[in-house]
Amino acid sequence: MSFVGFIGLGLMGKPMATRLLKAGYCLVVHNRSPKPVEELVALGALPASSPREVAERSEFVITMLPDNPDVRSVIAGANGVIEGAREGTVVIDMSTVSPYLAQELNAMLAAKSVDFLDAPVSGSTMAAEAGTLTIMVGGRKEAYERALPLFRAMGDKIFYMGGPGMGAYTKLCNQIAVSLNLLAACEALLLAKKAGLDQQKVIEVLSTGAGSSWQLATLGPRMIKRDFRPGFKVQHLRKDLRIVREIAEHLGLPLPGVGLVAELIKSLEQRGHGADGTQSLITLLEELAGMG
C-alpha cells in the first residue's frame, strides 16, 4: 500500500487518519501537540518531526487544519510540505479554506510538478469515525482519480467538482446552508417551547416534511437535552462564515442571511461557547427571547 502523510490530528483529522490506517495504508503523521501522534503510533502509524519530513516519506500528503494561515504555513512555509514533496506527490488539503488560497497553493506546487487537491469535507466527528463523510474535490482530474481510493476510505459520498478551488467553493456553499438551517432549527424549537409544544414531537413532525434538515434532526435533540458537546465547534463555524463573507464581498454578492448568522455566531463565541458544538446557538436565542 502507498505511504500517506497526514498533518493535523484534531477533532476531525484524527478519526480520518484512523480510517486510513484501518484501510491498510502506511501512515506518516505529524501534529503540533504530541498526544494524538502517540495514539496513532500505537495503532501502527509512523511519526514525523515536521511537515517537510511527512512529504519526504509519502506519496500522498493530507492536511486537515483550522484556518488559512495554518494551511499556508504547513504547506508553503519553512520546513513545510513543499520543501519535501517530490515530482508526482499529491498534496490534499481537506480543511475549509479560501478558494483563493487553494488556487495559490495549486500554482506553487504545480511549479514543482506536485499535484494539489482541495478536498474539504462535510459531516460530523461521528461521520469521520464511520467513514461516511461527504468529500468535495477540486483539482486536476488525474490527481483526483489517483487519490480516489483514499477518499473512499474516509467518505462514502465523493464528488469531483472541477479545477483548483472548486472543492473549496462547494464547501462554502455547504456552510451557508448549514448555518441557515442551524438558525432555522433553533428558532423552530424556540417557538415550540414558548407555545407549550413537545419539542421532540415537533422535530419528528418537521422531519417528515419540507421543513426537514440534518441540523434539526441531528442537533435538535441535543438542544433539548442541553448536550453541547462538539461535533462541529462554534469557533470553526465562525471562521467558515468569515471566509464565506470575504469571498462574497470579492464577488460583489450580498448574502444577508449569512451576515445575520455570522453575527449571532460571533456573539455566541464571545460568550464563551467557542469550543462548544454549534447547537449551543440555542442558548443565545433563548437569552435574546428572555427564556434563558
Protein backbone atom coordinates (compact mmCIF):
# COMPACT_ATOMS: atom_id res chain seq x y z
CA MET A 1 0.00 0.00 0.00
CA SER A 2 1.02 3.63 -0.54
CA PHE A 3 2.66 5.76 2.12
CA VAL A 4 0.22 8.50 3.11
CA GLY A 5 1.14 11.52 5.21
CA PHE A 6 -1.44 13.11 7.50
CA ILE A 7 -0.89 16.50 9.16
CA GLY A 8 -3.46 17.83 11.63
CA LEU A 9 -4.91 15.27 14.04
CA GLY A 10 -7.68 17.28 15.66
CA LEU A 11 -11.37 16.62 16.16
CA MET A 12 -11.83 15.56 12.51
CA GLY A 13 -8.29 14.75 11.42
CA LYS A 14 -7.62 12.01 13.95
CA PRO A 15 -10.63 9.81 13.05
CA MET A 16 -9.98 10.40 9.34
CA ALA A 17 -6.37 9.30 9.76
CA THR A 18 -7.53 6.29 11.75
CA ARG A 19 -9.77 5.26 8.85
CA LEU A 20 -6.76 5.28 6.52
CA LEU A 21 -4.79 3.11 8.95
CA LYS A 22 -7.66 0.63 9.13
CA ALA A 23 -7.79 0.56 5.32
CA GLY A 24 -4.20 -0.68 5.30
CA TYR A 25 -2.28 2.44 4.30
CA CYS A 26 1.20 3.10 5.71
CA LEU A 27 0.54 6.34 7.57
CA VAL A 28 3.11 9.01 8.44
CA VAL A 29 1.69 11.54 10.91
CA HIS A 30 2.54 14.96 12.31
CA ASN A 31 0.69 17.26 14.70
CA ARG A 32 1.57 20.30 16.81
CA SER A 33 0.62 18.53 20.05
CA PRO A 34 2.14 15.07 20.62
CA LYS A 35 -0.75 13.15 22.20
CA PRO A 36 -2.74 12.29 19.01
CA VAL A 37 0.51 11.32 17.28
CA GLU A 38 1.32 8.93 20.13
CA GLU A 39 -2.18 7.44 19.96
CA LEU A 40 -1.91 6.79 16.21
CA VAL A 41 1.63 5.43 16.52
CA ALA A 42 0.19 2.91 18.98
CA LEU A 43 -2.15 1.83 16.17
CA GLY A 44 0.69 1.43 13.68
CA ALA A 45 1.37 4.90 12.26
CA LEU A 46 4.88 6.34 11.84
CA PRO A 47 5.74 9.71 13.46
CA ALA A 48 7.39 12.60 11.62
CA SER A 49 9.03 15.66 13.15
CA SER A 50 7.89 18.20 10.54
CA PRO A 51 5.60 18.68 7.52
CA ARG A 52 8.70 18.50 5.35
CA GLU A 53 9.57 15.05 6.72
CA VAL A 54 5.99 13.88 6.17
CA ALA A 55 6.25 14.87 2.50
CA GLU A 56 9.68 13.30 2.06
CA ARG A 57 8.29 9.94 3.19
CA SER A 58 4.88 9.99 1.47
CA GLU A 59 3.29 9.61 -1.96
CA PHE A 60 0.17 11.45 -0.76
CA VAL A 61 0.11 14.19 1.89
CA ILE A 62 -3.19 15.15 3.57
CA THR A 63 -3.66 18.27 5.69
CA MET A 64 -6.63 18.90 8.00
CA LEU A 65 -6.03 22.22 9.74
CA PRO A 66 -8.01 25.03 11.41
CA ASP A 67 -7.60 28.07 9.13
CA ASN A 68 -5.94 29.68 6.10
CA PRO A 69 -2.71 30.73 7.91
CA ASP A 70 -2.20 27.21 9.28
CA VAL A 71 -2.62 25.62 5.86
CA ARG A 72 -0.33 28.16 4.18
CA SER A 73 2.37 27.70 6.82
CA VAL A 74 2.27 23.89 6.86
CA ILE A 75 2.28 23.54 3.07
CA ALA A 76 4.29 26.53 1.84
CA GLY A 77 6.21 27.74 4.91
CA ALA A 78 9.69 26.99 6.20
CA ASN A 79 10.21 23.24 6.69
CA GLY A 80 6.82 22.79 5.02
CA VAL A 81 5.35 20.18 2.72
CA ILE A 82 6.56 21.98 -0.41
CA GLU A 83 10.18 21.52 0.67
CA GLY A 84 9.83 17.76 1.00
CA ALA A 85 7.42 16.93 -1.83
CA ARG A 86 8.81 15.22 -4.91
CA GLU A 87 7.61 15.18 -8.50
CA GLY A 88 4.42 13.09 -8.59
CA THR A 89 3.45 13.71 -4.96
CA VAL A 90 -0.24 14.57 -4.44
CA VAL A 91 -0.95 17.11 -1.69
CA ILE A 92 -4.57 17.06 -0.48
CA ASP A 93 -5.92 19.81 1.77
CA MET A 94 -9.15 18.71 3.43
CA SER A 95 -9.53 21.83 5.59
CA THR A 96 -12.12 24.54 4.99
CA VAL A 97 -10.13 27.37 3.44
CA SER A 98 -10.45 30.19 0.93
CA PRO A 99 -10.70 29.04 -2.69
CA TYR A 100 -8.13 31.72 -3.49
CA LEU A 101 -5.64 30.08 -1.12
CA ALA A 102 -6.36 26.69 -2.71
CA GLN A 103 -5.64 28.13 -6.16
CA GLU A 104 -2.47 29.83 -4.92
CA LEU A 105 -1.13 26.63 -3.36
CA ASN A 106 -2.02 24.69 -6.51
CA ALA A 107 0.11 27.07 -8.59
CA MET A 108 3.05 26.92 -6.17
CA LEU A 109 3.06 23.12 -6.07
CA ALA A 110 2.49 22.74 -9.81
CA ALA A 111 5.78 24.60 -10.36
CA LYS A 112 7.44 21.59 -8.66
CA SER A 113 5.37 19.05 -10.65
CA VAL A 114 3.38 18.30 -7.49
CA ASP A 115 -0.40 17.97 -7.68
CA PHE A 116 -2.73 19.74 -5.26
CA LEU A 117 -6.33 18.86 -4.47
CA ASP A 118 -8.68 20.95 -2.33
CA ALA A 119 -10.98 18.35 -0.80
CA PRO A 120 -12.97 19.72 2.15
CA VAL A 121 -15.46 17.51 3.94
CA SER A 122 -18.97 17.75 5.32
CA GLY A 123 -20.08 15.66 8.27
CA SER A 124 -19.61 15.41 12.00
CA THR A 125 -16.95 13.61 14.01
CA MET A 126 -19.31 10.61 14.02
CA ALA A 127 -19.25 10.57 10.21
CA ALA A 128 -15.45 10.83 10.27
CA GLU A 129 -15.26 7.83 12.60
CA ALA A 130 -17.71 5.83 10.47
CA GLY A 131 -16.11 6.74 7.14
CA THR A 132 -19.31 8.35 5.86
CA LEU A 133 -18.08 11.89 5.17
CA THR A 134 -19.12 13.87 2.11
CA ILE A 135 -15.98 14.93 0.23
CA MET A 136 -15.98 17.65 -2.44
CA VAL A 137 -12.83 17.82 -4.57
CA GLY A 138 -11.21 20.41 -6.81
CA GLY A 139 -8.01 20.00 -8.81
CA ARG A 140 -6.58 18.11 -11.76
CA LYS A 141 -8.83 15.18 -12.70
CA GLU A 142 -5.94 12.73 -12.99
CA ALA A 143 -4.78 13.55 -9.46
CA TYR A 144 -8.34 13.11 -8.20
CA GLU A 145 -8.51 9.65 -9.76
CA ARG A 146 -5.20 8.68 -8.12
CA ALA A 147 -6.46 9.85 -4.73
CA LEU A 148 -9.94 8.33 -5.04
CA PRO A 149 -9.14 5.15 -3.04
CA LEU A 150 -8.02 7.34 -0.12
CA PHE A 151 -11.22 9.36 -0.28
CA ARG A 152 -13.26 6.13 -0.29
CA ALA A 153 -11.56 5.10 2.96
CA MET A 154 -12.80 8.30 4.63
CA GLY A 155 -16.12 9.04 2.96
CA ASP A 156 -18.97 7.43 1.06
CA LYS A 157 -20.19 10.47 -0.89
CA ILE A 158 -17.36 11.77 -3.05
CA PHE A 159 -17.78 14.44 -5.72
CA TYR A 160 -15.33 15.82 -8.28
CA MET A 161 -16.31 19.49 -8.65
CA GLY A 162 -13.81 20.75 -11.23
CA GLY A 163 -10.48 22.56 -11.28
CA PRO A 164 -8.43 24.07 -8.45
CA GLY A 165 -10.54 25.83 -5.81
CA MET A 166 -13.84 24.28 -6.85
CA GLY A 167 -13.93 21.92 -3.86
CA ALA A 168 -13.35 24.90 -1.56
CA TYR A 169 -16.11 26.91 -3.25
CA THR A 170 -18.51 23.99 -2.83
CA LYS A 171 -17.70 23.75 0.88
CA LEU A 172 -18.55 27.44 1.32
CA CYS A 173 -21.94 26.81 -0.32
CA ASN A 174 -22.39 23.95 2.14
CA GLN A 175 -21.59 26.18 5.10
CA ILE A 176 -24.19 28.72 4.00
CA ALA A 177 -26.85 26.00 4.05
CA VAL A 178 -25.56 24.56 7.34
CA SER A 179 -25.62 27.88 9.16
CA LEU A 180 -29.05 28.98 7.95
CA ASN A 181 -30.56 25.56 8.69
CA LEU A 182 -28.99 25.72 12.15
CA LEU A 183 -30.66 29.06 12.84
CA ALA A 184 -33.99 27.78 11.49
CA ALA A 185 -33.82 24.70 13.74
CA CYS A 186 -33.10 26.84 16.80
CA GLU A 187 -35.94 29.25 16.08
CA ALA A 188 -38.43 26.45 15.37
CA LEU A 189 -37.64 24.78 18.71
CA LEU A 190 -37.77 28.14 20.48
CA LEU A 191 -41.29 28.80 19.19
CA ALA A 192 -42.33 25.24 20.03
CA LYS A 193 -41.13 25.66 23.62
CA LYS A 194 -42.82 29.05 24.05
CA ALA A 195 -46.10 27.67 22.70
CA GLY A 196 -46.03 24.71 25.08
CA LEU A 197 -45.44 22.04 22.45
CA ASP A 198 -43.47 18.85 22.97
CA GLN A 199 -40.22 19.85 21.25
CA GLN A 200 -39.19 16.27 20.44
CA LYS A 201 -42.53 15.64 18.78
CA VAL A 202 -42.13 18.84 16.76
CA ILE A 203 -38.79 17.51 15.49
CA GLU A 204 -40.46 14.24 14.48
CA VAL A 205 -43.23 16.07 12.63
CA LEU A 206 -40.96 18.53 10.81
CA SER A 207 -38.55 15.76 9.84
CA THR A 208 -41.28 14.09 7.76
CA GLY A 209 -41.96 17.12 5.56
CA ALA A 210 -40.47 20.05 3.69
CA GLY A 211 -39.09 21.55 6.91
CA SER A 212 -36.70 18.67 7.49
CA SER A 213 -32.93 19.23 7.76
CA TRP A 214 -29.87 17.45 9.12
CA GLN A 215 -29.41 20.27 11.63
CA LEU A 216 -32.91 19.81 13.05
CA ALA A 217 -32.92 16.00 13.05
CA THR A 218 -29.41 15.59 14.47
CA LEU A 219 -28.78 18.67 16.58
CA GLY A 220 -32.36 19.39 17.65
CA PRO A 221 -32.50 16.53 20.20
CA ARG A 222 -29.13 17.67 21.60
CA MET A 223 -30.51 21.19 22.05
CA ILE A 224 -33.43 19.78 24.02
CA LYS A 225 -31.09 17.68 26.20
CA ARG A 226 -28.66 20.62 26.64
CA ASP A 227 -25.92 18.46 25.16
CA PHE A 228 -23.45 20.94 23.70
CA ARG A 229 -20.52 18.59 23.19
CA PRO A 230 -18.92 19.46 19.84
CA GLY A 231 -19.35 17.58 16.62
CA PHE A 232 -18.52 20.90 14.96
CA LYS A 233 -17.26 23.77 17.10
CA VAL A 234 -18.71 27.27 17.20
CA GLN A 235 -15.26 28.78 16.61
CA HIS A 236 -14.87 26.78 13.41
CA LEU A 237 -18.26 27.85 12.04
CA ARG A 238 -17.36 31.45 12.86
CA LYS A 239 -14.17 31.05 10.82
CA ASP A 240 -16.01 29.41 7.92
CA LEU A 241 -18.59 32.19 7.77
CA ARG A 242 -15.80 34.77 7.80
CA ILE A 243 -14.38 33.14 4.68
CA VAL A 244 -17.85 32.99 3.06
CA ARG A 245 -18.33 36.72 3.66
CA GLU A 246 -14.86 37.58 2.33
CA ILE A 247 -15.45 35.63 -0.88
CA ALA A 248 -18.98 37.01 -1.29
CA GLU A 249 -17.68 40.56 -0.90
CA HIS A 250 -14.98 39.93 -3.51
CA LEU A 251 -17.65 38.59 -5.88
CA GLY A 252 -19.98 41.53 -5.18
CA LEU A 253 -22.59 39.17 -3.78
CA PRO A 254 -24.86 40.29 -0.91
CA LEU A 255 -25.70 37.45 1.48
CA PRO A 256 -27.92 38.99 4.18
CA GLY A 257 -28.82 35.67 5.80
CA VAL A 258 -25.17 34.75 6.20
CA GLY A 259 -24.47 38.17 7.69
CA LEU A 260 -27.12 37.65 10.37
CA VAL A 261 -25.98 34.16 11.34
CA ALA A 262 -22.33 35.23 11.33
CA GLU A 263 -23.04 37.99 13.85
CA LEU A 264 -25.00 35.60 16.07
CA ILE A 265 -22.20 33.03 15.97
CA LYS A 266 -19.65 35.75 16.77
CA SER A 267 -21.73 36.81 19.81
CA LEU A 268 -22.04 33.18 20.90
CA GLU A 269 -18.26 32.73 20.76
CA GLN A 270 -17.75 35.95 22.73
CA ARG A 271 -20.00 34.48 25.45
CA GLY A 272 -17.54 31.64 25.94
CA HIS A 273 -19.07 28.97 23.67
CA GLY A 274 -16.27 28.82 21.09
CA ALA A 275 -15.31 25.23 21.93
CA ASP A 276 -18.93 24.07 22.22
CA GLY A 277 -20.93 22.45 19.44
CA THR A 278 -22.85 24.75 17.09
CA GLN A 279 -26.12 23.52 18.63
CA SER A 280 -25.29 25.83 21.57
CA LEU A 281 -26.63 28.68 19.40
CA ILE A 282 -29.99 27.89 21.03
CA THR A 283 -28.68 29.39 24.30
CA LEU A 284 -28.06 32.79 22.71
CA LEU A 285 -31.51 32.86 21.11
CA GLU A 286 -33.09 31.87 24.43
CA GLU A 287 -31.24 34.74 26.08
CA LEU A 288 -32.44 37.20 23.43
CA ALA A 289 -36.01 35.94 23.96
CA GLY A 290 -35.79 36.25 27.74
CA MET A 291 -36.07 32.47 28.09
CA GLY A 292 -32.54 31.75 29.29
